[in-house]
C-alpha atoms as a PDB file:
ATOM      1  CA  MET A   1      -3.199   7.752  29.243  1.00  0.00           C
ATOM      2  CA  LYS A   2      -5.161   6.683  26.259  1.00  0.00           C
ATOM      3  CA  ASP A   3      -4.591  10.052  24.235  1.00  0.00           C
ATOM      4  CA  ALA A   4      -1.214   9.050  24.377  1.00  0.00           C
ATOM      5  CA  TYR A   5      -1.431   6.307  22.092  1.00  0.00           C
ATOM      6  CA  ASN A   6      -2.642   6.193  18.462  1.00  0.00           C
ATOM      7  CA  ILE A   7      -3.847   3.121  16.815  1.00  0.00           C
ATOM      8  CA  TRP A   8      -2.440   4.612  12.898  1.00  0.00           C
ATOM      9  CA  ASP A   9       1.194   4.438  15.016  1.00  0.00           C
ATOM     10  CA  ILE A  10       0.899   0.652  14.429  1.00  0.00           C
ATOM     11  CA  ARG A  11      -0.221   0.912  11.418  1.00  0.00           C
ATOM     12  CA  SER A  12       2.917   3.075  10.012  1.00  0.00           C
ATOM     13  CA  LEU A  13       5.090   0.326  11.955  1.00  0.00           C
ATOM     14  CA  LEU A  14       3.688  -2.252   9.581  1.00  0.00           C
ATOM     15  CA  PHE A  15       3.986  -0.276   6.312  1.00  0.00           C
ATOM     16  CA  VAL A  16       7.095  -2.324   5.570  1.00  0.00           C
ATOM     17  CA  PHE A  17       4.511  -5.020   4.625  1.00  0.00           C
ATOM     18  CA  ASP A  18       2.148  -2.836   2.576  1.00  0.00           C
ATOM     19  CA  MET A  19       2.107  -2.925  -1.188  1.00  0.00           C
ATOM     20  CA  GLU A  20       2.257   0.689  -1.435  1.00  0.00           C
ATOM     21  CA  ASN A  21       5.714   0.757   0.167  1.00  0.00           C
ATOM     22  CA  THR A  22       8.425   0.893  -2.286  1.00  0.00           C
ATOM     23  CA  SER A  23       8.530  -1.868  -4.671  1.00  0.00           C
ATOM     24  CA  ASP A  24      11.451  -4.285  -3.670  1.00  0.00           C
ATOM     25  CA  VAL A  25      11.272  -7.611  -5.463  1.00  0.00           C
ATOM     26  CA  ALA A  26      13.709  -9.549  -2.843  1.00  0.00           C
ATOM     27  CA  ARG A  27      11.519  -7.783   0.577  1.00  0.00           C
ATOM     28  CA  GLU A  28       8.443  -9.177  -1.451  1.00  0.00           C
ATOM     29  CA  GLU A  29       9.588 -12.715  -1.832  1.00  0.00           C
ATOM     30  CA  ILE A  30      10.607 -12.674   1.915  1.00  0.00           C
ATOM     31  CA  ILE A  31       7.261 -11.549   3.012  1.00  0.00           C
ATOM     32  CA  VAL A  32       5.234 -14.143   0.642  1.00  0.00           C
ATOM     33  CA  SER A  33       7.632 -17.153   1.745  1.00  0.00           C
ATOM     34  CA  LYS A  34       6.793 -16.782   5.497  1.00  0.00           C
ATOM     35  CA  ASP A  35       3.272 -18.025   6.575  1.00  0.00           C
ATOM     36  CA  VAL A  36       2.402 -14.852   9.088  1.00  0.00           C
ATOM     37  CA  ASN A  37      -0.047 -17.451  10.925  1.00  0.00           C
ATOM     38  CA  ASP A  38       2.525 -19.349  12.241  1.00  0.00           C
ATOM     39  CA  GLU A  39       4.172 -17.654  15.424  1.00  0.00           C
ATOM     40  CA  GLN A  40       7.949 -18.838  14.435  1.00  0.00           C
ATOM     41  CA  GLU A  41       7.963 -17.935  11.137  1.00  0.00           C
ATOM     42  CA  LEU A  42       6.270 -14.134  11.763  1.00  0.00           C
ATOM     43  CA  ALA A  43       8.885 -13.792  14.308  1.00  0.00           C
ATOM     44  CA  GLU A  44      11.444 -14.453  11.557  1.00  0.00           C
ATOM     45  CA  LEU A  45       9.613 -12.167   9.371  1.00  0.00           C
ATOM     46  CA  PHE A  46       9.710  -9.380  11.859  1.00  0.00           C
ATOM     47  CA  ASP A  47      13.360 -10.193  12.351  1.00  0.00           C
ATOM     48  CA  ILE A  48      14.474  -9.810   8.837  1.00  0.00           C
ATOM     49  CA  LEU A  49      12.217  -6.737   7.879  1.00  0.00           C
ATOM     50  CA  MET A  50      10.878  -5.056  11.040  1.00  0.00           C
ATOM     51  CA  ARG A  51      13.953  -5.071  13.321  1.00  0.00           C
ATOM     52  CA  PRO A  52      16.345  -2.717  10.971  1.00  0.00           C
ATOM     53  CA  GLU A  53      13.078  -0.375  10.653  1.00  0.00           C
ATOM     54  CA  PHE A  54      12.375  -0.415  14.369  1.00  0.00           C
ATOM     55  CA  LEU A  55      15.802   0.458  15.589  1.00  0.00           C
ATOM     56  CA  ILE A  56      15.725   3.653  13.302  1.00  0.00           C
ATOM     57  CA  TYR A  57      13.532   5.345  15.539  1.00  0.00           C
ATOM     58  CA  SER A  58      14.418   7.059  18.475  1.00  0.00           C
ATOM     59  CA  GLU A  59      14.592   5.452  21.985  1.00  0.00           C
ATOM     60  CA  ASN A  60      11.102   7.367  22.702  1.00  0.00           C
ATOM     61  CA  GLU A  61       9.508   6.289  19.431  1.00  0.00           C
ATOM     62  CA  ARG A  62      10.070   2.971  19.919  1.00  0.00           C
ATOM     63  CA  GLN A  63       8.816   3.120  23.853  1.00  0.00           C
ATOM     64  CA  LEU A  64       5.879   4.612  22.419  1.00  0.00           C
ATOM     65  CA  LEU A  65       5.327   1.984  19.927  1.00  0.00           C
ATOM     66  CA  ILE A  66       5.722  -0.763  22.402  1.00  0.00           C
ATOM     67  CA  GLY A  67       3.454   1.388  25.014  1.00  0.00           C
ATOM     68  CA  THR A  68       0.740   1.343  21.967  1.00  0.00           C
ATOM     69  CA  LEU A  69       0.775  -2.176  21.451  1.00  0.00           C
ATOM     70  CA  VAL A  70       0.377  -3.124  25.226  1.00  0.00           C
ATOM     71  CA  TYR A  71      -2.329  -0.564  25.192  1.00  0.00           C
ATOM     72  CA  PHE A  72      -4.503  -1.582  22.389  1.00  0.00           C
ATOM     73  CA  LEU A  73      -3.981  -5.698  23.340  1.00  0.00           C
ATOM     74  CA  GLY A  74      -5.003  -4.644  27.286  1.00  0.00           C
ATOM     75  CA  ILE A  75      -8.108  -3.217  26.059  1.00  0.00           C
ATOM     76  CA  ASN A  76      -8.802  -6.071  23.843  1.00  0.00           C
ATOM     77  CA  ASP A  77      -8.657  -4.082  20.665  1.00  0.00           C
ATOM     78  CA  ASP A  78      -9.020  -6.556  17.909  1.00  0.00           C
ATOM     79  CA  PHE A  79      -6.964  -4.593  15.357  1.00  0.00           C
ATOM     80  CA  ASP A  80      -9.265  -4.496  12.320  1.00  0.00           C
ATOM     81  CA  GLY A  81      -8.752  -0.732  12.031  1.00  0.00           C
ATOM     82  CA  VAL A  82      -5.202  -1.497  11.182  1.00  0.00           C
ATOM     83  CA  PHE A  83      -5.571  -4.531   8.860  1.00  0.00           C
ATOM     84  CA  SER A  84      -8.515  -3.139   6.833  1.00  0.00           C
ATOM     85  CA  LYS A  85      -6.467  -0.194   6.123  1.00  0.00           C
ATOM     86  CA  ILE A  86      -3.432  -1.751   4.701  1.00  0.00           C
ATOM     87  CA  ASP A  87      -2.887  -4.229   1.393  1.00  0.00           C
ATOM     88  CA  THR A  88       0.055  -6.805   2.495  1.00  0.00           C
ATOM     89  CA  TYR A  89       2.007  -8.943   0.495  1.00  0.00           C
ATOM     90  CA  PHE A  90       1.003 -11.728   3.188  1.00  0.00           C
ATOM     91  CA  TYR A  91       0.477 -15.355   1.191  1.00  0.00           C
ATOM     92  CA  GLU A  92      -2.753 -15.701   3.643  1.00  0.00           C
ATOM     93  CA  ASP A  93      -4.776 -13.193   5.472  1.00  0.00           C
ATOM     94  CA  VAL A  94      -4.008 -12.971   9.450  1.00  0.00           C
ATOM     95  CA  LYS A  95      -6.528 -15.148  10.745  1.00  0.00           C
ATOM     96  CA  ASP A  96      -5.777 -14.139  14.504  1.00  0.00           C
ATOM     97  CA  GLN A  97      -4.942 -10.459  14.568  1.00  0.00           C
ATOM     98  CA  ARG A  98      -4.726  -9.993  18.141  1.00  0.00           C
ATOM     99  CA  GLN A  99      -1.736 -13.313  18.114  1.00  0.00           C
ATOM    100  CA  PHE A 100      -0.264 -11.453  14.965  1.00  0.00           C
ATOM    101  CA  MET A 101       0.285  -8.199  17.326  1.00  0.00           C
ATOM    102  CA  ARG A 102       1.458 -10.230  20.675  1.00  0.00           C
ATOM    103  CA  VAL A 103       4.261 -12.039  18.492  1.00  0.00           C
ATOM    104  CA  LEU A 104       4.884  -8.174  16.863  1.00  0.00           C
ATOM    105  CA  LEU A 105       5.002  -7.006  20.584  1.00  0.00           C
ATOM    106  CA  GLU A 106       7.437  -9.852  21.654  1.00  0.00           C
ATOM    107  CA  CYS A 107       9.685  -9.104  19.027  1.00  0.00           C
ATOM    108  CA  LEU A 108       9.829  -5.152  19.564  1.00  0.00           C
ATOM    109  CA  MET A 109      10.669  -5.823  23.068  1.00  0.00           C
ATOM    110  CA  ARG A 110      13.161  -8.177  22.111  1.00  0.00           C
ATOM    111  CA  TYR A 111      14.956  -5.336  19.724  1.00  0.00           C
ATOM    112  CA  GLN A 112      14.327  -2.741  22.406  1.00  0.00           C
ATOM    113  CA  SER A 113      16.473  -4.806  25.000  1.00  0.00           C
ATOM    114  CA  GLN A 114      19.026  -5.853  22.811  1.00  0.00           C
ATOM    115  CA  ALA A 115      19.387  -2.354  21.580  1.00  0.00           C
ATOM    116  CA  THR A 116      19.518  -1.202  25.288  1.00  0.00           C
ATOM    117  CA  GLN A 117      22.085  -3.619  25.980  1.00  0.00           C
ATOM    118  CA  GLU A 118      24.612  -2.826  23.004  1.00  0.00           C
ATOM    119  CA  LYS A 119      24.528   0.972  24.171  1.00  0.00           C
END
């Protein structure tokens, strides 16, 4: 099953926070206004910027992204491969990359559940 999951899919998902993404002052201000090391503020950030992006993906793509996070968290990946490849607008460095990904996973699962219920 390992071959089905690619860490780069997670990096692509986080592109919304990357400086290489299209310049959008309002988006940048939202990103820097949140403490990415605070679970509640991180979840709020995901709700604002990640949810709309995530829901654009097909059902299969969303399930694959959730599965990818579950897989890499399950093998105790430290996610350095993801965070070392992106420059973000985060005000601070992410102190606990695994916790960041756990919050992301919880949010994605919530978005997926909401999308399923809305069908």
